[in-house]
C-alpha atoms as a PDB file:
ATOM      1  CA  UNK A   1     -26.363 -25.855  10.914  1.00  0.00           C
ATOM      2  CA  UNK A   2     -23.466 -27.122   8.477  1.00  0.00           C
ATOM      3  CA  UNK A   3     -21.107 -29.584   8.532  1.00  0.00           C
ATOM      4  CA  UNK A   4     -17.554 -27.797   7.483  1.00  0.00           C
ATOM      5  CA  UNK A   5     -16.673 -24.539   5.988  1.00  0.00           C
ATOM      6  CA  UNK A   6     -14.799 -23.018   3.277  1.00  0.00           C
ATOM      7  CA  UNK A   7     -12.572 -20.279   4.106  1.00  0.00           C
ATOM      8  CA  UNK A   8     -10.373 -18.542   1.660  1.00  0.00           C
ATOM      9  CA  UNK A   9      -6.371 -17.702   3.194  1.00  0.00           C
ATOM     10  CA  UNK A  10      -4.398 -15.202   1.562  1.00  0.00           C
ATOM     11  CA  UNK A  11      -0.944 -16.755   1.209  1.00  0.00           C
ATOM     12  CA  UNK A  12       2.161 -14.606   0.013  1.00  0.00           C
ATOM     13  CA  UNK A  13       4.538 -16.168  -1.751  1.00  0.00           C
ATOM     14  CA  UNK A  14       8.237 -15.778  -3.103  1.00  0.00           C
ATOM     15  CA  UNK A  15       8.286 -14.185  -6.149  1.00  0.00           C
ATOM     16  CA  UNK A  16       4.242 -12.883  -6.650  1.00  0.00           C
ATOM     17  CA  UNK A  17       3.905  -9.394  -5.941  1.00  0.00           C
ATOM     18  CA  UNK A  18       0.735  -9.496  -3.552  1.00  0.00           C
ATOM     19  CA  UNK A  19      -1.132 -12.335  -1.954  1.00  0.00           C
ATOM     20  CA  UNK A  20      -3.423 -14.960  -3.532  1.00  0.00           C
ATOM     21  CA  UNK A  21      -6.155 -16.713  -2.694  1.00  0.00           C
ATOM     22  CA  UNK A  22      -5.918 -19.975  -1.348  1.00  0.00           C
ATOM     23  CA  UNK A  23      -9.118 -21.767  -0.702  1.00  0.00           C
ATOM     24  CA  UNK A  24      -9.398 -24.505   1.672  1.00  0.00           C
ATOM     25  CA  UNK A  25     -12.401 -27.175   2.825  1.00  0.00           C
ATOM     26  CA  UNK A  26     -12.407 -27.658   6.629  1.00  0.00           C
ATOM     27  CA  UNK A  27     -14.459 -30.086   8.739  1.00  0.00           C
ATOM     28  CA  UNK A  28     -14.813 -28.408  11.173  1.00  0.00           C
ATOM     29  CA  UNK A  29     -18.848 -26.625  12.841  1.00  0.00           C
ATOM     30  CA  UNK A  30     -16.934 -24.378  14.521  1.00  0.00           C
ATOM     31  CA  UNK A  31     -16.563 -21.137  11.407  1.00  0.00           C
ATOM     32  CA  UNK A  32     -13.581 -20.041  14.112  1.00  0.00           C
ATOM     33  CA  UNK A  33     -11.975 -23.770  14.591  1.00  0.00           C
ATOM     34  CA  UNK A  34     -12.141 -24.084  10.625  1.00  0.00           C
ATOM     35  CA  UNK A  35     -10.400 -20.853  10.481  1.00  0.00           C
ATOM     36  CA  UNK A  36      -7.763 -21.291  12.686  1.00  0.00           C
ATOM     37  CA  UNK A  37      -7.279 -24.943  10.668  1.00  0.00           C
ATOM     38  CA  UNK A  38      -7.112 -22.986   7.057  1.00  0.00           C
ATOM     39  CA  UNK A  39      -4.166 -20.869   8.553  1.00  0.00           C
ATOM     40  CA  UNK A  40      -2.195 -23.599  10.234  1.00  0.00           C
ATOM     41  CA  UNK A  41      -2.252 -25.298   6.477  1.00  0.00           C
ATOM     42  CA  UNK A  42      -1.987 -22.311   4.439  1.00  0.00           C
ATOM     43  CA  UNK A  43       1.199 -22.072   6.885  1.00  0.00           C
ATOM     44  CA  UNK A  44       2.782 -25.003   4.978  1.00  0.00           C
ATOM     45  CA  UNK A  45       2.290 -23.334   1.703  1.00  0.00           C
ATOM     46  CA  UNK A  46       3.573 -19.723   2.045  1.00  0.00           C
ATOM     47  CA  UNK A  47       3.198 -16.596   4.960  1.00  0.00           C
ATOM     48  CA  UNK A  48       0.136 -15.449   5.728  1.00  0.00           C
ATOM     49  CA  UNK A  49      -0.912 -11.697   4.872  1.00  0.00           C
ATOM     50  CA  UNK A  50      -1.317  -9.842   7.560  1.00  0.00           C
ATOM     51  CA  UNK A  51      -3.393  -6.735   6.315  1.00  0.00           C
ATOM     52  CA  UNK A  52      -6.176  -7.192   3.748  1.00  0.00           C
ATOM     53  CA  UNK A  53      -6.060  -7.479  -0.099  1.00  0.00           C
ATOM     54  CA  UNK A  54      -7.340  -6.423  -2.435  1.00  0.00           C
ATOM     55  CA  UNK A  55     -10.809  -5.518   0.255  1.00  0.00           C
ATOM     56  CA  UNK A  56     -10.509  -9.222   0.881  1.00  0.00           C
ATOM     57  CA  UNK A  57      -9.552  -9.973   5.021  1.00  0.00           C
ATOM     58  CA  UNK A  58      -6.179 -12.415   5.170  1.00  0.00           C
ATOM     59  CA  UNK A  59      -8.626 -15.196   6.623  1.00  0.00           C
ATOM     60  CA  UNK A  60     -12.348 -14.984   6.017  1.00  0.00           C
ATOM     61  CA  UNK A  61     -14.933 -17.682   5.415  1.00  0.00           C
ATOM     62  CA  UNK A  62     -16.633 -17.977   2.009  1.00  0.00           C
ATOM     63  CA  UNK A  63     -19.539 -20.315   2.838  1.00  0.00           C
ATOM     64  CA  UNK A  64     -21.209 -22.913   5.272  1.00  0.00           C
ATOM     65  CA  UNK A  65     -20.503 -26.407   3.642  1.00  0.00           C
ATOM     66  CA  UNK A  66     -23.791 -27.982   3.847  1.00  0.00           C
ATOM     67  CA  UNK A  67     -24.112 -31.864   5.477  1.00  0.00           C
ATOM     68  CA  UNK A  68     -25.333 -32.870   1.626  1.00  0.00           C
ATOM     69  CA  UNK A  69     -21.946 -31.162   0.152  1.00  0.00           C
ATOM     70  CA  UNK A  70     -19.797 -32.529   3.242  1.00  0.00           C
ATOM     71  CA  UNK A  71     -21.108 -36.104   2.475  1.00  0.00           C
ATOM     72  CA  UNK A  72     -21.041 -36.144  -1.488  1.00  0.00           C
ATOM     73  CA  UNK A  73     -17.612 -34.872  -1.682  1.00  0.00           C
ATOM     74  CA  UNK A  74     -16.058 -37.029   1.441  1.00  0.00           C
ATOM     75  CA  UNK A  75     -14.544 -34.209   3.597  1.00  0.00           C
ATOM     76  CA  UNK A  76     -14.103 -35.704   7.167  1.00  0.00           C
ATOM     77  CA  UNK A  77     -14.983 -34.691  10.443  1.00  0.00           C
ATOM     78  CA  UNK A  78     -11.511 -32.398  11.165  1.00  0.00           C
ATOM     79  CA  UNK A  79     -10.179 -32.579   8.035  1.00  0.00           C
ATOM     80  CA  UNK A  80      -8.924 -30.346   6.000  1.00  0.00           C
ATOM     81  CA  UNK A  81      -8.700 -30.332   2.170  1.00  0.00           C
ATOM     82  CA  UNK A  82      -6.800 -27.841   0.122  1.00  0.00           C
ATOM     83  CA  UNK A  83      -8.689 -26.823  -2.988  1.00  0.00           C
ATOM     84  CA  UNK A  84      -6.507 -24.804  -4.813  1.00  0.00           C
ATOM     85  CA  UNK A  85      -6.345 -21.178  -6.251  1.00  0.00           C
ATOM     86  CA  UNK A  86      -9.332 -21.475  -8.116  1.00  0.00           C
ATOM     87  CA  UNK A  87     -12.569 -20.652  -7.326  1.00  0.00           C
ATOM     88  CA  UNK A  88     -14.122 -24.252  -5.322  1.00  0.00           C
ATOM     89  CA  UNK A  89     -17.732 -24.314  -7.088  1.00  0.00           C
ATOM     90  CA  UNK A  90     -18.236 -27.535  -6.567  1.00  0.00           C
ATOM     91  CA  UNK A  91     -18.142 -26.969  -3.068  1.00  0.00           C
ATOM     92  CA  UNK A  92     -20.504 -24.112  -2.812  1.00  0.00           C
ATOM     93  CA  UNK A  93     -24.520 -24.302  -2.968  1.00  0.00           C
ATOM     94  CA  UNK A  94     -25.033 -21.867  -5.508  1.00  0.00           C
ATOM     95  CA  UNK A  95     -27.619 -19.329  -4.061  1.00  0.00           C
ATOM     96  CA  UNK A  96     -26.445 -19.572  -0.304  1.00  0.00           C
END
């Protein structure tokens, strides 16, 4: 079992033609709690999309974070780390 989740949230920004995916590392083992926590943080950036965008749900779990990744990148339990718009490859184990 992992120690957190990588969550993608489609965020609507003024001036952008469509919502953009923003990545969040969330230190909750429970997937649903991690998704809601990421939504709360995304709402500080902009509105959360209400329907799928380009085949992606507005909020979606990208990957479970292993305890080793969480420890090496110092994600504390309950912490939310906004990782930006680019694919967070340091956070995701290849082949999972």
